[in-house]
Amino acid sequence: MSTWRPGRDRRAVRHLPSGSSAQALAQRGDRPSVIVVGGGIAGLAAVCGLAERGVAVEVIEAEPSLGGRLRAWPTEAGGQPTTMSRGFHAFFRQYYNLRALLRRADPTLSRLQPVADYPLELAPTGASGPVRDSFATVPRTPPFNLMGFVAQSPSFRLADLTRVDVGRAVDLLQVRFPDTYTELDGVSAAELLDRLKFPDRARHLALEVFARSFFADPTEFSAGELVAMFHTYFVGSAEGLLFDVPDDDYQTALWGPLEGYLTRLGVEFRTGTRVASIAEAASGLVVHTDTGELHADAVVLALDTRSLQAVVAASPGLGNESWQQQLAALRVAPPFGVGRRWLAGRFTDIEPFLGTSGYGPLDNLSRVDALEAGAATWAARTGGTVVEVHGYALTDTSSTARDELWRQAARLHPGLATAPVLAEEWLVRDDCPLVDTTPWRNRPTVTTPDPRVMVAGDLVRCDWPIALMERAATTGWQAANGLLAGFGRPGHELWSPPLGGLLAKAAK
């Protein structure tokens, strides 16, 4: 048996694809065909999984380019060309299946470059100054990672630790997925933190950061998902909480090369095209778009929540009534804002990335020219700096919120308050799924009542302790595997962090 692992964690779990489906999806003996609706991470993973097994694949994407919520597009600042996107994303080492997708065009992952640290800063309160946590020197192997973090972190003070509910804290080492998701049905992340009696500082820096990275308020965010992330990054995986970022904008570093790889496999892309509905055809399925009809043996729906709901609502014959109601009940997370400024003058003291808590609506600050080659080129040409702010779960999305994000950023770096702004972008979006406290098993799965239709994306339920971009990639691969089984073709192996905690009892 191969000893290869996708990362450094020897406890990472290998998931083999299931065998062929008892029901053949393509009755005729020729090459099966699939339409993938959505060209984001989930859609591209499904496309890759299918095309590599000889399936004819066509991609329909509403935007003019690929990448979905990680799309990048050209713009101009200070008379120089540059790019814009929906903002900074961290590619954690636990993102095994996303990395497997990226390896198709970049086998050594040379376009992903490590960021030295994942610093988190809590704003000053009263007479206390700011508190900053670092993960750069924390051991990565459980349980030494948690012990090392607690020992060096200013967020954990001895007096506070004596008030922690030790029994409930030990439960975090006994998780077993997917059971833990269901056991915490109806419990919010905020409620769980209250039960644990965690120190306020640790609560803000070590735990609430996860909730807000889902664009959710901790009072609405699933405690099961919070525990899964705590397990994955702190006590269940040896990969640690460090991450990589693309060395250039997403289109240049990731999606352009991957599109080239898939095109060589025969994949056809239809960008700038919207899907209206899906219906039964004489043979297979017909997909109605704003430019005409397309036919295929099967379909993968890799859409954001509202787009998926709209297509399904317009397709009364798709699936069954209970499945359609399940999708209609899905909620969208509160809006988030991304502000980017191209500034005159160099501000090299600004970190490549800094997570924040207690700075009003500001959740993180990053210096884009320290991360992306294109932004660095712009900065070199103009003598400027490219800075970005994020605000998650916003209650106000107006220019007032934008201004407040930049005011809070200036608390961290006062020079930002007076730096001349050569160009500015302000994006507000509300198309991320809300991972709330409703029963875990009520969430949609990759499979649907129709074996010819699969659903993929970070809104989809997955048994493993994964989330965000990795859940999108994983469910995309799973959608491909489901259809490949029906076509009688081999699927793809997948990986996940350990499914059980260090003290988890074996499943009965």
Protein backbone atom coordinates (compact mmCIF):
# COMPACT_ATOMS: atom_id res chain seq x y z
CA MET A 1 0.00 0.00 0.00
CA SER A 2 1.24 3.47 -0.87
CA THR A 3 2.55 5.57 2.01
CA TRP A 4 1.99 8.85 0.16
CA ARG A 5 0.08 11.54 2.08
CA PRO A 6 -1.19 14.89 0.80
CA GLY A 7 0.47 16.76 3.69
CA ARG A 8 2.49 16.20 6.83
CA ASP A 9 -0.35 14.75 8.92
CA ARG A 10 0.12 10.99 9.17
CA ARG A 11 -3.45 10.68 10.48
CA ALA A 12 -5.02 12.21 7.38
CA VAL A 13 -7.80 9.95 6.09
CA ARG A 14 -7.92 8.52 2.60
CA HIS A 15 -11.44 8.10 1.16
CA LEU A 16 -11.74 5.70 -1.75
CA PRO A 17 -14.51 6.20 -4.34
CA SER A 18 -17.47 3.86 -4.21
CA GLY A 19 -18.06 1.25 -6.89
CA SER A 20 -20.30 1.47 -9.90
CA SER A 21 -23.91 2.44 -9.46
CA ALA A 22 -26.55 -0.20 -9.99
CA GLN A 23 -28.43 2.22 -12.26
CA ALA A 24 -26.68 3.20 -15.47
CA LEU A 25 -27.00 6.91 -16.20
CA ALA A 26 -26.10 6.71 -19.88
CA GLN A 27 -28.01 3.91 -21.55
CA ARG A 28 -26.31 4.16 -24.89
CA GLY A 29 -22.78 2.92 -25.39
CA ASP A 30 -21.18 6.16 -26.56
CA ARG A 31 -19.28 8.75 -24.53
CA PRO A 32 -21.43 10.13 -21.69
CA SER A 33 -21.94 13.88 -21.45
CA VAL A 34 -22.35 16.19 -18.46
CA ILE A 35 -23.15 19.88 -18.15
CA VAL A 36 -21.61 21.57 -15.12
CA VAL A 37 -23.45 24.73 -14.14
CA GLY A 38 -21.02 27.04 -12.36
CA GLY A 39 -17.32 27.65 -12.93
CA GLY A 40 -16.20 28.21 -9.35
CA ILE A 41 -14.12 25.85 -7.22
CA ALA A 42 -16.87 23.23 -6.85
CA GLY A 43 -17.72 23.27 -10.55
CA LEU A 44 -14.10 23.08 -11.66
CA ALA A 45 -13.41 20.13 -9.34
CA ALA A 46 -16.41 18.29 -10.80
CA VAL A 47 -15.27 19.15 -14.33
CA CYS A 48 -11.78 17.88 -13.66
CA GLY A 49 -13.01 14.65 -12.09
CA LEU A 50 -15.29 13.91 -15.04
CA ALA A 51 -13.03 15.01 -17.89
CA GLU A 52 -10.10 12.96 -16.61
CA ARG A 53 -12.30 9.85 -16.93
CA GLY A 54 -13.23 10.54 -20.53
CA VAL A 55 -16.61 12.20 -19.99
CA ALA A 56 -17.61 14.99 -22.37
CA VAL A 57 -18.03 18.08 -20.20
CA GLU A 58 -19.46 21.50 -20.92
CA VAL A 59 -19.25 24.32 -18.36
CA ILE A 60 -21.80 27.11 -18.14
CA GLU A 61 -20.66 30.14 -16.12
CA ALA A 62 -22.62 33.38 -15.74
CA GLU A 63 -19.56 35.55 -15.19
CA PRO A 64 -17.13 36.39 -18.01
CA SER A 65 -14.34 34.35 -16.36
CA LEU A 66 -13.87 31.35 -14.10
CA GLY A 67 -13.25 31.19 -10.37
CA GLY A 68 -16.66 31.94 -8.89
CA ARG A 69 -16.20 33.77 -5.61
CA LEU A 70 -12.43 33.58 -6.20
CA ARG A 71 -12.63 35.31 -9.55
CA ALA A 72 -10.26 38.16 -10.48
CA TRP A 73 -10.76 40.79 -13.15
CA PRO A 74 -8.71 43.62 -14.71
CA THR A 75 -8.98 47.23 -13.57
CA GLU A 76 -6.82 50.35 -13.51
CA ALA A 77 -5.33 52.40 -10.69
CA GLY A 78 -3.22 55.52 -10.98
CA GLY A 79 -3.03 55.10 -14.75
CA GLN A 80 -1.53 51.60 -14.44
CA PRO A 81 -3.19 48.24 -15.14
CA THR A 82 -3.93 46.03 -12.15
CA THR A 83 -6.57 43.58 -10.94
CA MET A 84 -9.42 43.39 -8.45
CA SER A 85 -11.11 40.47 -6.72
CA ARG A 86 -13.42 39.71 -3.82
CA GLY A 87 -10.44 39.70 -1.54
CA PHE A 88 -7.88 37.74 0.39
CA HIS A 89 -8.32 33.98 0.93
CA ALA A 90 -6.06 31.66 2.90
CA PHE A 91 -5.19 28.28 1.39
CA PHE A 92 -4.66 26.16 4.47
CA ARG A 93 -2.49 23.05 4.37
CA GLN A 94 -5.57 20.96 5.28
CA TYR A 95 -7.18 21.85 1.95
CA TYR A 96 -6.13 18.50 0.47
CA ASN A 97 -8.76 18.20 -2.25
CA LEU A 98 -8.53 21.82 -3.37
CA ARG A 99 -4.78 21.40 -3.64
CA ALA A 100 -5.29 18.21 -5.63
CA LEU A 101 -7.32 20.24 -8.12
CA LEU A 102 -4.66 22.95 -8.36
CA ARG A 103 -1.94 20.33 -8.87
CA ARG A 104 -3.50 19.44 -12.22
CA ALA A 105 -2.04 22.63 -13.70
CA ASP A 106 0.72 23.20 -11.13
CA PRO A 107 2.05 19.78 -9.97
CA THR A 108 4.42 21.21 -7.36
CA LEU A 109 2.02 23.95 -6.21
CA SER A 110 4.71 26.48 -7.00
CA ARG A 111 2.07 29.21 -7.35
CA LEU A 112 1.15 28.86 -3.66
CA GLN A 113 3.57 30.70 -1.40
CA PRO A 114 3.64 30.39 2.41
CA VAL A 115 2.69 33.31 4.64
CA ALA A 116 5.01 33.40 7.65
CA ASP A 117 2.32 33.77 10.29
CA TYR A 118 -1.40 33.96 11.01
CA PRO A 119 -1.38 36.92 13.45
CA LEU A 120 -4.59 37.83 15.26
CA GLU A 121 -4.96 41.08 17.18
CA LEU A 122 -7.54 42.05 19.78
CA ALA A 123 -8.08 45.80 20.13
CA PRO A 124 -7.10 47.59 23.35
CA THR A 125 -9.74 47.61 26.07
CA GLY A 126 -9.70 49.98 29.04
CA ALA A 127 -6.19 50.30 30.38
CA SER A 128 -5.03 47.18 28.52
CA GLY A 129 -3.17 47.51 25.26
CA PRO A 130 -3.75 45.40 22.18
CA VAL A 131 -3.29 41.63 22.46
CA ARG A 132 -1.71 39.76 19.59
CA ASP A 133 -1.56 36.01 19.07
CA SER A 134 0.85 34.29 16.71
CA PHE A 135 0.99 30.76 15.35
CA ALA A 136 4.41 30.91 13.70
CA THR A 137 6.25 29.17 16.53
CA VAL A 138 3.45 26.90 17.78
CA PRO A 139 4.16 23.16 17.31
CA ARG A 140 1.91 21.59 14.69
CA THR A 141 1.48 18.08 16.10
CA PRO A 142 -1.50 17.46 18.42
CA PRO A 143 -1.71 17.79 21.38
CA PHE A 144 1.53 19.77 21.55
CA ASN A 145 0.09 22.46 19.25
CA LEU A 146 -2.68 23.31 21.70
CA MET A 147 -0.34 23.10 24.68
CA GLY A 148 2.21 25.32 22.97
CA PHE A 149 -0.41 27.86 21.94
CA VAL A 150 -1.86 28.12 25.44
CA ALA A 151 1.63 28.39 26.97
CA GLN A 152 2.70 31.33 24.82
CA SER A 153 -0.59 33.06 24.08
CA PRO A 154 -1.42 36.27 25.96
CA SER A 155 -5.09 35.37 25.43
CA PHE A 156 -4.88 32.62 28.04
CA ARG A 157 -4.21 33.91 31.53
CA LEU A 158 -3.97 31.56 34.49
CA ALA A 159 -6.86 33.17 36.37
CA ASP A 160 -9.09 32.84 33.32
CA LEU A 161 -8.12 29.24 32.67
CA THR A 162 -9.24 28.19 36.15
CA ARG A 163 -12.81 29.15 35.19
CA VAL A 164 -12.92 27.05 32.01
CA ASP A 165 -15.37 24.14 32.14
CA VAL A 166 -12.76 21.38 31.86
CA GLY A 167 -15.29 18.63 31.24
CA ARG A 168 -16.80 20.40 28.25
CA ALA A 169 -13.34 21.39 27.01
CA VAL A 170 -12.28 17.75 27.03
CA ASP A 171 -15.29 17.04 24.81
CA LEU A 172 -13.44 18.94 22.09
CA LEU A 173 -10.88 16.11 22.09
CA GLN A 174 -13.59 13.45 21.79
CA VAL A 175 -15.25 14.58 18.59
CA ARG A 176 -16.20 12.04 15.95
CA PHE A 177 -17.48 13.21 12.60
CA PRO A 178 -20.13 13.26 11.30
CA ASP A 179 -21.79 12.39 14.64
CA THR A 180 -20.54 15.59 16.31
CA TYR A 181 -22.38 17.74 13.76
CA THR A 182 -25.69 16.15 14.73
CA GLU A 183 -24.96 16.15 18.46
CA LEU A 184 -24.68 19.95 18.34
CA ASP A 185 -27.83 20.58 16.32
CA GLY A 186 -29.58 23.74 17.49
CA VAL A 187 -26.52 25.07 19.34
CA SER A 188 -24.84 28.26 18.16
CA ALA A 189 -21.13 28.97 18.31
CA ALA A 190 -21.79 31.75 20.83
CA GLU A 191 -23.78 29.41 23.07
CA LEU A 192 -21.04 26.79 22.95
CA LEU A 193 -18.40 29.33 23.95
CA ASP A 194 -20.60 30.40 26.85
CA ARG A 195 -20.85 26.78 28.00
CA LEU A 196 -17.08 26.35 27.84
CA LYS A 197 -16.54 29.55 29.86
CA PHE A 198 -13.56 30.37 27.68
CA PRO A 199 -11.62 33.54 28.51
CA ASP A 200 -12.98 36.53 26.60
CA ARG A 201 -9.68 37.16 24.87
CA ALA A 202 -9.32 33.56 23.77
CA ARG A 203 -12.93 33.58 22.69
CA HIS A 204 -12.36 36.52 20.37
CA LEU A 205 -9.00 35.55 18.95
CA ALA A 206 -8.94 31.77 18.89
CA LEU A 207 -12.57 30.86 18.26
CA GLU A 208 -14.87 33.66 17.07
CA VAL A 209 -12.47 34.28 14.18
CA PHE A 210 -13.65 30.99 12.72
CA ALA A 211 -17.31 31.97 12.92
CA ARG A 212 -16.71 35.27 11.18
CA SER A 213 -14.65 33.62 8.45
CA PHE A 214 -17.96 31.99 7.48
CA PHE A 215 -19.41 35.52 7.14
CA ALA A 216 -21.67 34.71 10.07
CA ASP A 217 -22.40 36.19 13.45
CA PRO A 218 -21.46 33.72 16.23
CA THR A 219 -25.05 33.80 17.52
CA GLU A 220 -26.26 32.22 14.27
CA PHE A 221 -23.25 30.13 13.31
CA SER A 222 -23.37 26.35 13.88
CA ALA A 223 -21.52 25.11 16.97
CA GLY A 224 -20.87 21.85 15.11
CA GLU A 225 -19.03 23.71 12.39
CA LEU A 226 -17.07 25.69 14.98
CA VAL A 227 -15.99 22.49 16.72
CA ALA A 228 -15.04 20.97 13.37
CA MET A 229 -12.75 23.92 12.65
CA PHE A 230 -11.28 23.81 16.16
CA HIS A 231 -10.57 20.11 15.60
CA THR A 232 -9.09 20.65 12.15
CA TYR A 233 -6.79 23.54 12.99
CA PHE A 234 -5.96 23.09 16.68
CA VAL A 235 -6.32 19.60 18.10
CA GLY A 236 -7.04 17.12 15.32
CA SER A 237 -4.59 17.80 12.52
CA ALA A 238 -0.82 18.12 12.35
CA GLU A 239 -0.93 20.67 9.52
CA GLY A 240 -1.27 23.63 11.88
CA LEU A 241 -2.93 27.00 11.35
CA LEU A 242 -0.45 28.32 8.80
CA PHE A 243 -1.42 28.78 5.21
CA ASP A 244 -0.34 29.65 1.69
CA VAL A 245 -1.59 32.25 -0.77
CA PRO A 246 -1.37 32.47 -4.58
CA ASP A 247 1.67 34.41 -5.78
CA ASP A 248 -0.48 36.49 -8.14
CA ASP A 249 -4.13 37.29 -8.77
CA TYR A 250 -6.45 34.29 -8.90
CA GLN A 251 -6.90 34.33 -12.66
CA THR A 252 -3.18 34.46 -13.41
CA ALA A 253 -2.01 32.04 -10.74
CA LEU A 254 -4.87 29.53 -10.57
CA TRP A 255 -7.78 29.58 -12.97
CA GLY A 256 -6.05 30.52 -16.22
CA PRO A 257 -3.62 27.57 -16.00
CA LEU A 258 -6.38 25.20 -14.87
CA GLU A 259 -8.65 26.30 -17.72
CA GLY A 260 -5.81 25.51 -20.12
CA TYR A 261 -5.40 22.03 -18.61
CA LEU A 262 -9.12 21.29 -18.84
CA THR A 263 -9.38 22.64 -22.38
CA ARG A 264 -6.68 20.18 -23.42
CA LEU A 265 -8.90 17.43 -22.00
CA GLY A 266 -11.67 18.56 -24.34
CA VAL A 267 -13.77 20.58 -21.88
CA GLU A 268 -15.88 23.32 -23.47
CA PHE A 269 -16.51 26.57 -21.58
CA ARG A 270 -19.47 28.90 -22.06
CA THR A 271 -18.82 32.00 -19.96
CA GLY A 272 -21.20 34.94 -19.75
CA THR A 273 -24.10 32.49 -20.03
CA ARG A 274 -26.90 32.00 -17.50
CA VAL A 275 -28.97 28.89 -16.87
CA ALA A 276 -32.70 29.42 -16.49
CA SER A 277 -34.03 25.91 -15.89
CA ILE A 278 -33.51 22.19 -16.39
CA ALA A 279 -36.05 19.76 -17.79
CA GLU A 280 -36.48 16.19 -18.95
CA ALA A 281 -35.58 15.50 -22.57
CA ALA A 282 -36.26 12.56 -24.87
CA SER A 283 -32.79 11.34 -23.98
CA GLY A 284 -31.27 12.74 -20.81
CA LEU A 285 -31.72 16.33 -19.66
CA VAL A 286 -32.09 19.66 -21.40
CA VAL A 287 -30.57 22.80 -19.89
CA HIS A 288 -32.27 26.05 -20.87
CA THR A 289 -29.88 29.01 -21.01
CA ASP A 290 -30.21 32.61 -22.10
CA THR A 291 -28.51 31.66 -25.39
CA GLY A 292 -30.35 28.43 -26.20
CA GLU A 293 -30.79 24.79 -25.21
CA LEU A 294 -28.08 22.28 -24.33
CA HIS A 295 -28.51 18.53 -23.90
CA ALA A 296 -26.58 16.11 -21.70
CA ASP A 297 -26.87 12.79 -19.88
CA ALA A 298 -26.39 14.43 -16.48
CA VAL A 299 -25.94 17.79 -14.75
CA VAL A 300 -23.88 19.11 -11.83
CA LEU A 301 -25.32 22.22 -10.16
CA ALA A 302 -22.37 24.09 -8.63
CA LEU A 303 -24.08 27.40 -7.88
CA ASP A 304 -24.34 29.83 -4.99
CA THR A 305 -27.44 29.50 -2.82
CA ARG A 306 -29.75 31.98 -4.51
CA SER A 307 -28.78 30.92 -8.02
CA LEU A 308 -29.38 27.27 -7.14
CA GLN A 309 -32.75 28.09 -5.61
CA ALA A 310 -33.77 30.08 -8.71
CA VAL A 311 -32.85 27.29 -11.14
CA VAL A 312 -34.60 24.62 -9.06
CA ALA A 313 -37.71 26.77 -8.57
CA ALA A 314 -37.92 27.22 -12.35
CA SER A 315 -37.53 23.46 -12.90
CA PRO A 316 -40.68 21.91 -11.36
CA GLY A 317 -39.85 18.42 -12.64
CA LEU A 318 -36.41 18.37 -11.06
CA GLY A 319 -35.94 16.07 -8.08
CA ASN A 320 -39.05 15.88 -5.89
CA GLU A 321 -41.10 18.23 -3.75
CA SER A 322 -39.34 17.54 -0.45
CA TRP A 323 -35.91 18.10 -2.03
CA GLN A 324 -37.06 21.35 -3.60
CA GLN A 325 -38.40 22.51 -0.24
CA GLN A 326 -35.09 21.58 1.39
CA LEU A 327 -33.21 23.82 -1.03
CA ALA A 328 -35.75 26.63 -0.74
CA ALA A 329 -35.18 26.70 3.05
CA LEU A 330 -31.45 27.43 2.72
CA ARG A 331 -30.36 30.80 4.05
CA VAL A 332 -27.70 33.22 2.90
CA ALA A 333 -25.11 34.67 5.27
CA PRO A 334 -25.15 38.40 6.07
CA PRO A 335 -23.34 40.64 3.59
CA PHE A 336 -19.63 41.24 3.69
CA GLY A 337 -17.59 44.13 2.37
CA VAL A 338 -14.19 44.27 0.71
CA GLY A 339 -12.41 47.60 0.38
CA ARG A 340 -9.21 47.98 -1.59
CA ARG A 341 -7.15 51.14 -1.93
CA TRP A 342 -4.22 51.89 -4.17
CA LEU A 343 -2.25 54.42 -2.16
CA ALA A 344 0.56 56.83 -2.93
CA GLY A 345 3.61 56.09 -0.82
CA ARG A 346 5.11 52.91 0.58
CA PHE A 347 3.72 51.36 3.76
CA THR A 348 5.94 48.34 4.20
CA ASP A 349 5.15 48.13 7.92
CA ILE A 350 1.69 46.77 7.09
CA GLU A 351 1.66 42.97 7.46
CA PRO A 352 0.75 40.78 4.51
CA PHE A 353 -2.22 39.65 6.62
CA LEU A 354 -3.65 40.49 10.05
CA GLY A 355 -6.87 39.13 11.56
CA THR A 356 -8.57 41.50 13.97
CA SER A 357 -11.20 41.53 16.70
CA GLY A 358 -12.59 44.50 18.57
CA TYR A 359 -11.84 46.97 15.77
CA GLY A 360 -15.45 47.69 14.94
CA PRO A 361 -16.55 45.92 11.75
CA LEU A 362 -12.94 45.30 10.64
CA ASP A 363 -12.16 41.57 10.49
CA ASN A 364 -8.84 41.64 8.70
CA LEU A 365 -6.33 43.84 6.97
CA SER A 366 -3.88 42.80 4.26
CA ARG A 367 -1.25 44.36 2.02
CA VAL A 368 -1.92 42.99 -1.43
CA ASP A 369 1.39 44.06 -2.97
CA ALA A 370 3.16 41.84 -0.42
CA LEU A 371 1.20 38.85 -1.77
CA GLU A 372 0.46 39.25 -5.48
CA ALA A 373 3.04 39.78 -8.22
CA GLY A 374 0.72 42.00 -10.24
CA ALA A 375 0.06 44.28 -7.29
CA ALA A 376 3.78 44.32 -6.50
CA THR A 377 4.46 45.41 -10.10
CA TRP A 378 1.91 48.20 -9.74
CA ALA A 379 3.52 49.30 -6.48
CA ALA A 380 7.01 49.29 -8.03
CA ARG A 381 5.85 51.38 -10.99
CA THR A 382 4.00 53.95 -8.93
CA GLY A 383 5.87 53.91 -5.63
CA GLY A 384 2.55 53.07 -3.98
CA THR A 385 0.94 50.42 -1.77
CA VAL A 386 -2.16 48.25 -2.24
CA VAL A 387 -4.12 47.71 0.97
CA GLU A 388 -7.32 45.75 1.55
CA VAL A 389 -9.85 45.63 4.40
CA HIS A 390 -12.58 43.05 5.06
CA GLY A 391 -15.74 43.34 7.12
CA TYR A 392 -17.88 40.22 7.64
CA ALA A 393 -21.52 39.91 8.72
CA LEU A 394 -22.10 43.62 8.16
CA THR A 395 -25.27 45.29 9.40
CA ASP A 396 -24.51 48.39 7.32
CA THR A 397 -23.18 48.12 3.76
CA SER A 398 -23.21 51.80 2.82
CA SER A 399 -20.27 54.11 2.27
CA THR A 400 -20.47 54.77 6.01
CA ALA A 401 -19.45 51.15 6.66
CA ARG A 402 -16.66 51.46 4.12
CA ASP A 403 -15.34 54.59 5.81
CA GLU A 404 -15.52 52.93 9.22
CA LEU A 405 -13.46 49.97 8.02
CA TRP A 406 -10.73 52.33 6.87
CA ARG A 407 -10.96 54.35 10.09
CA GLN A 408 -10.40 51.18 12.09
CA ALA A 409 -7.50 50.19 9.81
CA ALA A 410 -5.92 53.57 10.61
CA ARG A 411 -6.03 52.67 14.31
CA LEU A 412 -3.61 49.87 13.43
CA HIS A 413 -1.55 51.95 10.98
CA PRO A 414 -2.13 55.70 11.47
CA GLY A 415 -0.46 56.60 8.18
CA LEU A 416 -3.46 55.15 6.34
CA ALA A 417 -5.59 58.06 7.55
CA THR A 418 -3.70 60.64 5.48
CA ALA A 419 -2.25 58.62 2.59
CA PRO A 420 -3.37 59.92 -0.83
CA VAL A 421 -5.77 57.48 -2.47
CA LEU A 422 -5.01 56.96 -6.17
CA ALA A 423 -7.88 54.52 -6.72
CA GLU A 424 -10.45 52.71 -4.61
CA GLU A 425 -12.87 49.79 -4.92
CA TRP A 426 -15.68 48.89 -2.53
CA LEU A 427 -17.48 45.57 -3.02
CA VAL A 428 -20.47 44.31 -1.04
CA ARG A 429 -21.73 40.77 -1.61
CA ASP A 430 -24.26 38.53 0.15
CA ASP A 431 -24.04 35.24 -1.74
CA CYS A 432 -22.33 32.98 0.81
CA PRO A 433 -24.29 30.18 2.51
CA LEU A 434 -25.25 30.58 6.15
CA VAL A 435 -24.11 27.54 8.11
CA ASP A 436 -26.66 28.00 10.85
CA THR A 437 -27.98 25.95 13.76
CA THR A 438 -30.68 24.05 11.86
CA PRO A 439 -30.34 20.24 11.95
CA TRP A 440 -27.22 19.12 10.16
CA ARG A 441 -28.99 16.27 8.39
CA ASN A 442 -31.51 18.70 6.88
CA ARG A 443 -28.82 20.23 4.72
CA PRO A 444 -28.66 19.15 1.07
CA THR A 445 -26.20 16.49 0.02
CA VAL A 446 -24.26 16.00 -3.20
CA THR A 447 -26.76 13.40 -4.37
CA THR A 448 -30.37 14.28 -5.25
CA PRO A 449 -33.55 12.28 -5.88
CA ASP A 450 -32.50 12.15 -9.55
CA PRO A 451 -29.26 10.13 -10.03
CA ARG A 452 -28.52 12.27 -13.10
CA VAL A 453 -28.36 15.47 -11.04
CA MET A 454 -25.65 16.29 -8.49
CA VAL A 455 -25.17 19.41 -6.33
CA ALA A 456 -21.76 20.76 -5.29
CA GLY A 457 -20.49 23.73 -3.31
CA ASP A 458 -19.79 24.97 0.20
CA LEU A 459 -23.54 24.97 0.88
CA VAL A 460 -23.57 21.16 0.59
CA ARG A 461 -23.39 18.82 3.57
CA CYS A 462 -20.19 16.81 3.92
CA ASP A 463 -19.48 14.17 6.57
CA TRP A 464 -15.91 15.31 7.12
CA PRO A 465 -14.53 18.22 9.22
CA ILE A 466 -13.91 20.52 6.27
CA ALA A 467 -15.40 23.84 5.20
CA LEU A 468 -15.28 26.85 2.88
CA MET A 469 -13.08 26.38 -0.20
CA GLU A 470 -12.19 22.82 0.77
CA ARG A 471 -15.84 21.84 1.11
CA ALA A 472 -16.51 23.34 -2.31
CA ALA A 473 -13.66 21.37 -3.89
CA THR A 474 -14.48 18.15 -2.05
CA THR A 475 -18.17 18.16 -2.96
CA GLY A 476 -17.21 18.91 -6.56
CA TRP A 477 -15.02 15.80 -6.64
CA GLN A 478 -17.80 13.84 -4.90
CA ALA A 479 -20.32 14.98 -7.52
CA ALA A 480 -17.99 13.73 -10.25
CA ASN A 481 -17.51 10.43 -8.43
CA GLY A 482 -21.26 9.95 -8.10
CA LEU A 483 -21.81 10.37 -11.82
CA LEU A 484 -18.74 8.30 -12.74
CA ALA A 485 -20.13 5.41 -10.69
CA GLY A 486 -23.31 5.63 -12.73
CA PHE A 487 -21.30 5.68 -15.94
CA GLY A 488 -19.37 2.60 -14.81
CA ARG A 489 -16.11 4.53 -14.65
CA PRO A 490 -13.57 4.74 -11.81
CA GLY A 491 -13.74 7.67 -9.43
CA HIS A 492 -11.07 9.66 -7.60
CA GLU A 493 -9.70 9.17 -4.10
CA LEU A 494 -10.14 12.04 -1.67
CA TRP A 495 -8.54 13.02 1.64
CA SER A 496 -9.63 14.68 4.84
CA PRO A 497 -8.21 15.59 8.25
CA PRO A 498 -8.73 12.92 10.93
CA LEU A 499 -12.41 12.20 11.56
CA GLY A 500 -11.97 11.68 15.29
CA GLY A 501 -10.39 13.65 18.11
CA LEU A 502 -7.40 12.47 20.09
CA LEU A 503 -9.67 11.01 22.78
CA ALA A 504 -12.51 9.90 20.52
CA LYS A 505 -14.02 6.52 21.20
CA ALA A 506 -14.19 4.10 18.32
CA ALA A 507 -17.50 4.03 16.49
CA LYS A 508 -19.72 1.11 17.44
